[in-house]
């Protein structure tokens, strides 16, 4: 899911870059206003559709961290065995890092559109 979010954010970023490049190449204000309205409508539609998936990804990462915290509170010795620690962190960190990277890319789209 995070890879899909990354690709969507990259596509949105590319559409903004494409608009800027075309505008500075042609310098047609009237056409640029119409095209910018289309880009904004596209950004609004896609962001509304993707907000649920970002929420689900964040909830899954938070639930994973809660599961790890609960397990550590039940059995603190689990963190002393390096194999158990590697196993727990091995499935916890990648989705969390992908989520944070996807959020960073989404913030980059917001920054470019602002």
Foldseek 3Di string as FASTA:
>chain_A
DLVVLQVVLVVLQVLLVVLVVVCVVPVDVVVSVVSLVVSVVVVVVVCVVCVVVLVVLVVVLVVLVVVVVVVCVVPVCLCVDPVSVCVSCVVNPPSVVSSVVSVVSNVVSVVSND
